[in-house]
Structure formats: C-alpha cells, structure tokens
C-alpha cells in the first residue's frame, strides 16, 4: 500500500508491499507524491521495480566479483582473466552502481587508461565491461542498457607484419643452437616446426605424440584458440623434424612451458640481434609461405585455423615482387 504525508514542509510518499523493501521519496506538491506512489505500485505489480531496485543497489565491483566466481573458472584463460578482472575491480569505476554506469563514465575511464596503457589493452578491457554487463542482464536480472556500444573505441595500431629475411632467420637458428652438451635440445626444432606448420605457440606446446599420425602426415589439435578442433597437415620438413626428436617421458612432443619458451625467445633475439622479433611472427611467416602453395584461401584457412578470412589477411603478407611476376 502507499501512503502520503506532510513532513517538514514536504510531501513524503511511502510504498510498502509484501516481499518488497519499503521505498519512499519526498516532493514539493502532494499531487507529485501521489503520482509517484501510483507509478511505483504499478512497477511493483509488473515486476519492473524489482529490477530497478536491484540495479540501483548493485555496484559494478559486485558484478565483477561474481563474474570471477561463476563465469571465469570455465574460461580457457582463467588465470589471466582473473588477474585482469581483479585489477579492474580496484578502479574507481567499479564503485559505481549499475544504474550510474553510463557511457560518460566509461568514456572517462577510457581516456584515463589511454594515458597508462596501449589502445589495444583498453579495447580488451572495454570488451570485459561488455561481457560482464551482458551476462548480468541475461543471468542476474540486472536491468541496465549496455553503455559500451555507445563509447568510441580507441584506434588500435595496424597488425604486425614482421617477416624475417633469410639472413635474419639463419642468425636466429644459429642463436637457438645449443652451445653445450646439456643445452635445451627442444627449442630449435620447436621454432622450425612452428615455421613449417603455422601452429600457434599454445597448440605446439600442448601437442602430444598421441595427437600425431606420421603415416597420414597429420597432427590433431583438440582445442584451438577459437574453441574448435582442427587437423593440421604436416609437410615433409615438419615430418623430418618430428622423426629426429627424442620421445619425452610425459608424452609431449616439445616438453617445454610458456615461460621457458619466452625466455629462450628473448635470449635468442638478443644474441641474433633481431629488432622487434616475437615468437608469434613465425606464424605470420609460415602463413605467407603456405599461401604460395595454397592460393585457395579456404584451404589456407583450414590449415591456419582462421574462422574469418579478414583475420587471415592480417597474417598473409605476400611479396609484391612475386605478385608482379604472377600478373606479368
């Protein structure tokens, strides 16, 4: 029921319904108070007010913490996502209620972050914003329009196109060659295998001998970055690399972890004096080489694992001189 009373020179409307917290608001005129009370009663009757009440009293930080507990554990990058979300929860924007989280506040957050981190990092953070809000709308009865589509995204730099020359590649392989008898024997063949197959770092590190069929010349990847499985054809050079490898006791083809590979890559880059080289650049180079053998983009995407041809084009860097010869 609703009641309206004069209190300290103003008209206070108060609505009490069973199963709902009492809500009140003060007005200058009695008519405005009565009108507001009727509106709140109607919203309670239709169930709309419960949504608004929850939205006003739930902070973005509370949603982030719930998202970490309920959603993040089933993601493929649980450790990295949890770290980033906890950092987001310490920011001032996390203290806003969901009713106060509007596009101006998000834009302010974007501008502040751009002074500290790269534009691509800010784009990823805004993507987290959107994922949390959309999940809260679908699953947690948070009645809020997603403000992220209304916020201008920072312009990200063009994708990398670092392609090593043959001379640079030789220097890299020389730097990766073990200098001592007990040196790491896996790094050099791993780099060469990446260059032959265009497989991602995580796919190579997760490769097990049971995933390989050397007779059929294929490697099966059960779970890729985009969530699908795929079968990678193996070139003669890739087969030769595999056949020369010793078998590790744990069944992995390349018994290394990510940090160890990163450290080896950094060390080799410095030793070979290669400017701005990353392990992922081998994938660019491999796809560019494969494109010469597989001009059909559908076939090329089947090998590289790209769902989108637009994404595949970011990795394909043809030699203009070779293209000129083809159209001559």
Protein backbone atom coordinates (compact mmCIF):
# COMPACT_ATOMS: atom_id res chain seq x y z
CA UNK A 1 0.00 0.00 0.00
CA UNK A 2 1.02 3.61 -0.49
CA UNK A 3 0.79 6.50 1.95
CA UNK A 4 1.40 10.23 1.51
CA UNK A 5 2.08 12.54 4.44
CA UNK A 6 3.32 16.06 5.04
CA UNK A 7 6.70 16.05 6.73
CA UNK A 8 8.85 19.11 7.43
CA UNK A 9 7.06 21.14 4.78
CA UNK A 10 7.34 18.45 2.08
CA UNK A 11 5.10 15.61 0.96
CA UNK A 12 6.59 12.21 1.54
CA UNK A 13 5.28 9.23 -0.44
CA UNK A 14 5.94 5.78 1.00
CA UNK A 15 5.17 2.47 -0.70
CA UNK A 16 5.10 -0.79 1.23
CA UNK A 17 4.43 -4.13 -0.43
CA UNK A 18 4.82 -7.62 0.99
CA UNK A 19 8.06 -9.19 -0.19
CA UNK A 20 9.48 -5.81 -1.25
CA UNK A 21 11.65 -3.34 0.71
CA UNK A 22 9.83 -0.15 1.66
CA UNK A 23 10.63 2.79 -0.63
CA UNK A 24 9.96 6.48 -0.07
CA UNK A 25 10.56 9.83 -1.74
CA UNK A 26 9.78 13.48 -0.89
CA UNK A 27 8.08 16.04 -3.17
CA UNK A 28 7.08 19.69 -3.04
CA UNK A 29 3.47 19.01 -4.04
CA UNK A 30 1.07 16.35 -2.82
CA UNK A 31 -0.02 15.60 -6.39
CA UNK A 32 3.54 14.73 -7.44
CA UNK A 33 3.93 12.45 -4.41
CA UNK A 34 0.68 10.63 -5.18
CA UNK A 35 1.59 10.30 -8.86
CA UNK A 36 4.99 8.82 -7.97
CA UNK A 37 3.44 6.37 -5.49
CA UNK A 38 0.97 5.11 -8.12
CA UNK A 39 3.83 4.65 -10.62
CA UNK A 40 5.94 2.66 -8.14
CA UNK A 41 2.94 0.46 -7.26
CA UNK A 42 2.35 -0.23 -10.95
CA UNK A 43 6.02 -1.12 -11.48
CA UNK A 44 5.93 -3.46 -8.49
CA UNK A 45 2.81 -5.14 -9.87
CA UNK A 46 4.51 -5.76 -13.22
CA UNK A 47 7.83 -6.81 -11.68
CA UNK A 48 9.72 -3.89 -13.23
CA UNK A 49 10.52 -2.16 -9.96
CA UNK A 50 12.40 -5.11 -8.51
CA UNK A 51 14.82 -4.87 -11.45
CA UNK A 52 15.36 -1.14 -10.92
CA UNK A 53 15.85 -1.60 -7.18
CA UNK A 54 18.48 -4.27 -7.73
CA UNK A 55 20.27 -2.21 -10.38
CA UNK A 56 20.48 0.85 -8.16
CA UNK A 57 21.89 -1.12 -5.22
CA UNK A 58 24.38 -3.31 -7.06
CA UNK A 59 27.86 -1.98 -7.75
CA UNK A 60 29.94 -2.85 -10.77
CA UNK A 61 32.53 -4.30 -8.37
CA UNK A 62 29.98 -6.76 -7.02
CA UNK A 63 29.24 -7.96 -10.54
CA UNK A 64 32.96 -8.29 -11.30
CA UNK A 65 33.50 -10.42 -8.18
CA UNK A 66 30.51 -12.61 -9.02
CA UNK A 67 31.73 -12.95 -12.61
CA UNK A 68 35.13 -14.10 -11.32
CA UNK A 69 33.47 -16.77 -9.16
CA UNK A 70 30.84 -18.05 -11.58
CA UNK A 71 31.97 -17.37 -15.14
CA UNK A 72 35.75 -17.04 -15.26
CA UNK A 73 36.52 -20.56 -13.90
CA UNK A 74 35.12 -22.13 -17.08
CA UNK A 75 37.07 -19.86 -19.44
CA UNK A 76 40.17 -21.11 -21.23
CA UNK A 77 42.32 -18.25 -19.89
CA UNK A 78 41.09 -18.40 -16.30
CA UNK A 79 44.34 -17.24 -14.68
CA UNK A 80 44.87 -14.23 -16.94
CA UNK A 81 41.20 -13.23 -16.91
CA UNK A 82 41.02 -13.41 -13.12
CA UNK A 83 44.11 -11.22 -12.78
CA UNK A 84 42.72 -8.57 -15.15
CA UNK A 85 39.26 -8.58 -13.58
CA UNK A 86 40.64 -8.16 -10.06
CA UNK A 87 42.67 -5.19 -11.29
CA UNK A 88 39.52 -3.74 -12.85
CA UNK A 89 37.68 -4.19 -9.54
CA UNK A 90 40.20 -1.88 -7.83
CA UNK A 91 39.46 1.00 -10.19
CA UNK A 92 37.14 3.86 -9.23
CA UNK A 93 34.61 2.90 -11.90
CA UNK A 94 33.96 -0.38 -10.11
CA UNK A 95 32.48 1.51 -7.15
CA UNK A 96 29.64 2.92 -9.27
CA UNK A 97 26.20 1.40 -9.04
CA UNK A 98 24.97 -0.27 -12.19
CA UNK A 99 22.34 2.43 -12.51
CA UNK A 100 25.14 5.04 -12.58
CA UNK A 101 27.33 3.19 -15.07
CA UNK A 102 26.67 5.24 -18.20
CA UNK A 103 28.65 6.00 -21.34
CA UNK A 104 30.18 9.26 -19.97
CA UNK A 105 31.70 7.37 -17.04
CA UNK A 106 33.04 4.66 -19.36
CA UNK A 107 34.49 7.31 -21.69
CA UNK A 108 36.24 8.95 -18.74
CA UNK A 109 37.68 5.57 -17.75
CA UNK A 110 38.86 5.01 -21.35
CA UNK A 111 40.65 8.37 -21.50
CA UNK A 112 42.37 7.81 -18.17
CA UNK A 113 43.56 4.33 -19.15
CA UNK A 114 44.88 5.51 -22.51
CA UNK A 115 47.42 7.63 -20.64
CA UNK A 116 48.79 4.49 -18.98
CA UNK A 117 48.33 1.54 -21.35
CA UNK A 118 48.06 0.82 -25.06
CA UNK A 119 44.88 1.28 -27.06
CA UNK A 120 44.61 -2.48 -27.66
CA UNK A 121 44.67 -3.05 -23.89
CA UNK A 122 41.85 -0.54 -23.40
CA UNK A 123 39.81 -2.25 -26.14
CA UNK A 124 40.22 -5.58 -24.34
CA UNK A 125 39.17 -4.01 -21.04
CA UNK A 126 36.05 -2.49 -22.61
CA UNK A 127 35.28 -5.92 -24.02
CA UNK A 128 35.39 -7.25 -20.46
CA UNK A 129 32.97 -4.48 -19.43
CA UNK A 130 30.56 -5.54 -22.13
CA UNK A 131 30.79 -9.26 -21.35
CA UNK A 132 30.10 -8.70 -17.64
CA UNK A 133 27.17 -6.37 -18.26
CA UNK A 134 25.58 -8.61 -20.88
CA UNK A 135 25.92 -11.65 -18.63
CA UNK A 136 24.40 -9.73 -15.70
CA UNK A 137 21.45 -8.71 -17.87
CA UNK A 138 20.82 -12.25 -19.08
CA UNK A 139 21.51 -14.23 -15.93
CA UNK A 140 21.34 -11.97 -12.88
CA UNK A 141 18.30 -9.77 -13.51
CA UNK A 142 20.31 -6.54 -13.73
CA UNK A 143 18.14 -4.14 -15.69
CA UNK A 144 20.65 -1.89 -17.47
CA UNK A 145 21.32 -1.00 -21.06
CA UNK A 146 24.87 -1.86 -22.07
CA UNK A 147 26.67 1.51 -22.47
CA UNK A 148 29.80 0.09 -24.14
CA UNK A 149 28.48 0.20 -27.76
CA UNK A 150 27.89 3.95 -27.25
CA UNK A 151 31.54 4.60 -26.33
CA UNK A 152 34.08 5.26 -29.07
CA UNK A 153 36.76 2.58 -29.10
CA UNK A 154 40.43 3.66 -29.27
CA UNK A 155 42.07 3.23 -32.64
CA UNK A 156 44.40 0.25 -32.48
CA UNK A 157 47.66 0.15 -34.42
CA UNK A 158 47.86 -1.96 -37.53
CA UNK A 159 48.66 -5.63 -37.08
CA UNK A 160 52.28 -6.73 -37.01
CA UNK A 161 53.92 -7.72 -40.28
CA UNK A 162 57.43 -8.60 -39.10
CA UNK A 163 58.90 -11.03 -41.61
CA UNK A 164 62.46 -12.18 -41.07
CA UNK A 165 64.81 -12.23 -44.04
CA UNK A 166 66.68 -15.44 -44.81
CA UNK A 167 69.82 -13.91 -43.32
CA UNK A 168 67.95 -12.98 -40.11
CA UNK A 169 66.39 -16.43 -39.95
CA UNK A 170 69.82 -18.06 -40.20
CA UNK A 171 71.07 -15.86 -37.37
CA UNK A 172 68.07 -16.84 -35.28
CA UNK A 173 68.59 -20.57 -35.84
CA UNK A 174 72.28 -20.20 -35.03
CA UNK A 175 71.40 -18.41 -31.78
CA UNK A 176 68.97 -21.21 -30.88
CA UNK A 177 71.51 -23.97 -31.43
CA UNK A 178 72.62 -25.45 -28.06
CA UNK A 179 76.19 -24.47 -27.23
CA UNK A 180 76.73 -27.07 -24.53
CA UNK A 181 76.06 -30.78 -24.35
CA UNK A 182 73.23 -30.43 -21.81
CA UNK A 183 71.63 -27.43 -23.53
CA UNK A 184 67.94 -27.26 -24.41
CA UNK A 185 67.56 -29.54 -27.43
CA UNK A 186 63.88 -28.73 -27.96
CA UNK A 187 63.96 -25.02 -28.76
CA UNK A 188 65.48 -25.04 -32.24
CA UNK A 189 63.26 -27.85 -33.61
CA UNK A 190 60.24 -26.17 -31.99
CA UNK A 191 60.95 -22.92 -33.85
CA UNK A 192 61.46 -24.79 -37.13
CA UNK A 193 58.25 -26.78 -36.56
CA UNK A 194 56.31 -23.54 -35.97
CA UNK A 195 57.66 -22.15 -39.22
CA UNK A 196 56.57 -25.28 -41.10
CA UNK A 197 53.07 -25.69 -39.65
CA UNK A 198 51.84 -22.14 -38.78
CA UNK A 199 50.60 -23.56 -35.48
CA UNK A 200 50.16 -21.24 -32.52
CA UNK A 201 52.53 -21.38 -29.57
CA UNK A 202 49.97 -22.92 -27.22
CA UNK A 203 48.99 -25.50 -29.82
CA UNK A 204 52.61 -26.61 -30.25
CA UNK A 205 53.32 -26.73 -26.52
CA UNK A 206 50.15 -28.77 -25.99
CA UNK A 207 50.95 -31.24 -28.76
CA UNK A 208 51.24 -34.86 -27.64
CA UNK A 209 52.65 -37.79 -29.60
CA UNK A 210 49.23 -39.45 -29.46
CA UNK A 211 47.89 -36.48 -31.48
CA UNK A 212 50.22 -37.29 -34.36
CA UNK A 213 49.79 -39.70 -37.24
CA UNK A 214 53.09 -39.61 -39.11
CA UNK A 215 51.92 -42.12 -41.69
CA UNK A 216 48.94 -39.98 -42.65
CA UNK A 217 51.04 -36.80 -42.13
CA UNK A 218 48.59 -35.06 -39.81
CA UNK A 219 48.52 -33.52 -36.33
CA UNK A 220 45.21 -33.28 -34.46
CA UNK A 221 44.60 -30.25 -32.23
CA UNK A 222 41.69 -30.95 -29.89
CA UNK A 223 41.17 -27.37 -28.71
CA UNK A 224 42.34 -24.26 -30.52
CA UNK A 225 42.24 -20.57 -29.63
CA UNK A 226 38.84 -20.10 -31.28
CA UNK A 227 37.38 -23.08 -29.43
CA UNK A 228 37.31 -25.57 -32.30
CA UNK A 229 39.41 -28.61 -33.08
CA UNK A 230 41.32 -28.95 -36.32
CA UNK A 231 43.66 -31.28 -38.13
CA UNK A 232 46.92 -29.80 -39.41
CA UNK A 233 48.64 -31.33 -42.44
CA UNK A 234 52.37 -31.89 -41.99
CA UNK A 235 54.93 -31.05 -44.64
CA UNK A 236 57.90 -33.28 -45.40
CA UNK A 237 60.12 -30.87 -43.48
CA UNK A 238 57.77 -30.98 -40.47
CA UNK A 239 57.82 -34.79 -40.55
CA UNK A 240 61.63 -34.78 -40.67
CA UNK A 241 61.74 -32.52 -37.59
CA UNK A 242 59.41 -34.84 -35.67
CA UNK A 243 61.24 -38.03 -36.63
CA UNK A 244 64.54 -36.63 -35.33
CA UNK A 245 63.09 -35.71 -31.93
CA UNK A 246 63.64 -37.93 -28.89
CA UNK A 247 60.50 -39.04 -27.06
CA UNK A 248 59.86 -37.30 -23.74
CA UNK A 249 58.63 -39.35 -20.77
CA UNK A 250 55.41 -37.33 -20.38
CA UNK A 251 54.29 -37.83 -23.98
CA UNK A 252 54.63 -34.21 -25.04
CA UNK A 253 56.27 -33.56 -28.38
CA UNK A 254 58.02 -30.45 -27.06
CA UNK A 255 58.32 -30.74 -23.25
CA UNK A 256 58.54 -27.02 -22.51
CA UNK A 257 56.25 -24.49 -20.85
CA UNK A 258 55.32 -20.98 -21.92
CA UNK A 259 57.69 -19.04 -19.63
CA UNK A 260 60.65 -21.22 -20.66
CA UNK A 261 59.89 -20.67 -24.35
CA UNK A 262 59.51 -16.92 -23.80
CA UNK A 263 62.87 -16.79 -22.02
CA UNK A 264 64.53 -18.73 -24.85
CA UNK A 265 62.96 -16.43 -27.43
CA UNK A 266 64.19 -13.30 -25.64
CA UNK A 267 67.68 -14.74 -25.28
CA UNK A 268 67.87 -15.75 -28.95
CA UNK A 269 66.54 -12.39 -30.13
CA UNK A 270 69.28 -10.55 -28.26
CA UNK A 271 72.00 -12.96 -29.35
CA UNK A 272 70.92 -12.80 -33.01
CA UNK A 273 70.44 -9.01 -32.75
CA UNK A 274 66.94 -9.12 -34.20
CA UNK A 275 64.94 -5.94 -33.79
CA UNK A 276 61.30 -6.30 -32.72
CA UNK A 277 61.00 -10.08 -33.14
CA UNK A 278 58.40 -12.20 -31.35
CA UNK A 279 57.72 -15.93 -31.50
CA UNK A 280 54.26 -15.26 -32.97
CA UNK A 281 55.96 -13.67 -36.01
CA UNK A 282 56.82 -17.22 -37.11
CA UNK A 283 53.10 -17.79 -37.68
CA UNK A 284 52.97 -14.77 -39.98
CA UNK A 285 55.93 -16.08 -41.91
CA UNK A 286 54.53 -19.61 -42.11
CA UNK A 287 51.15 -18.47 -43.42
CA UNK A 288 52.82 -16.24 -46.00
CA UNK A 289 54.88 -19.21 -47.21
CA UNK A 290 51.87 -21.55 -47.21
CA UNK A 291 49.89 -19.05 -49.27
CA UNK A 292 52.31 -19.60 -52.15
CA UNK A 293 51.47 -23.33 -52.07
CA UNK A 294 47.79 -22.90 -51.21
CA UNK A 295 46.41 -19.95 -53.21
CA UNK A 296 42.87 -21.06 -52.29
CA UNK A 297 42.06 -19.04 -49.15
CA UNK A 298 39.56 -21.63 -47.92
CA UNK A 299 42.26 -24.29 -47.93
CA UNK A 300 44.74 -21.89 -46.37
CA UNK A 301 42.31 -21.04 -43.54
CA UNK A 302 41.76 -24.76 -42.92
CA UNK A 303 45.49 -25.13 -42.27
CA UNK A 304 45.92 -21.92 -40.26
CA UNK A 305 42.73 -22.34 -38.22
CA UNK A 306 41.24 -18.93 -39.00
CA UNK A 307 37.46 -18.69 -38.98
CA UNK A 308 37.46 -15.28 -40.62
CA UNK A 309 39.17 -14.56 -43.93
CA UNK A 310 39.55 -10.96 -42.76
CA UNK A 311 41.69 -12.19 -39.85
CA UNK A 312 43.64 -14.43 -42.21
CA UNK A 313 44.51 -11.43 -44.37
CA UNK A 314 46.22 -9.83 -41.35
CA UNK A 315 48.67 -12.74 -41.31
CA UNK A 316 49.20 -13.06 -45.04
CA UNK A 317 51.99 -10.77 -46.30
CA UNK A 318 52.71 -11.51 -49.96
CA UNK A 319 55.90 -10.40 -51.65
CA UNK A 320 54.98 -7.60 -54.10
CA UNK A 321 57.78 -8.66 -56.47
CA UNK A 322 56.41 -12.21 -56.67
CA UNK A 323 52.90 -10.88 -57.26
CA UNK A 324 54.24 -8.74 -60.11
CA UNK A 325 55.74 -11.86 -61.72
CA UNK A 326 52.42 -13.69 -61.42
CA UNK A 327 50.45 -10.93 -63.19
CA UNK A 328 53.11 -10.31 -65.84
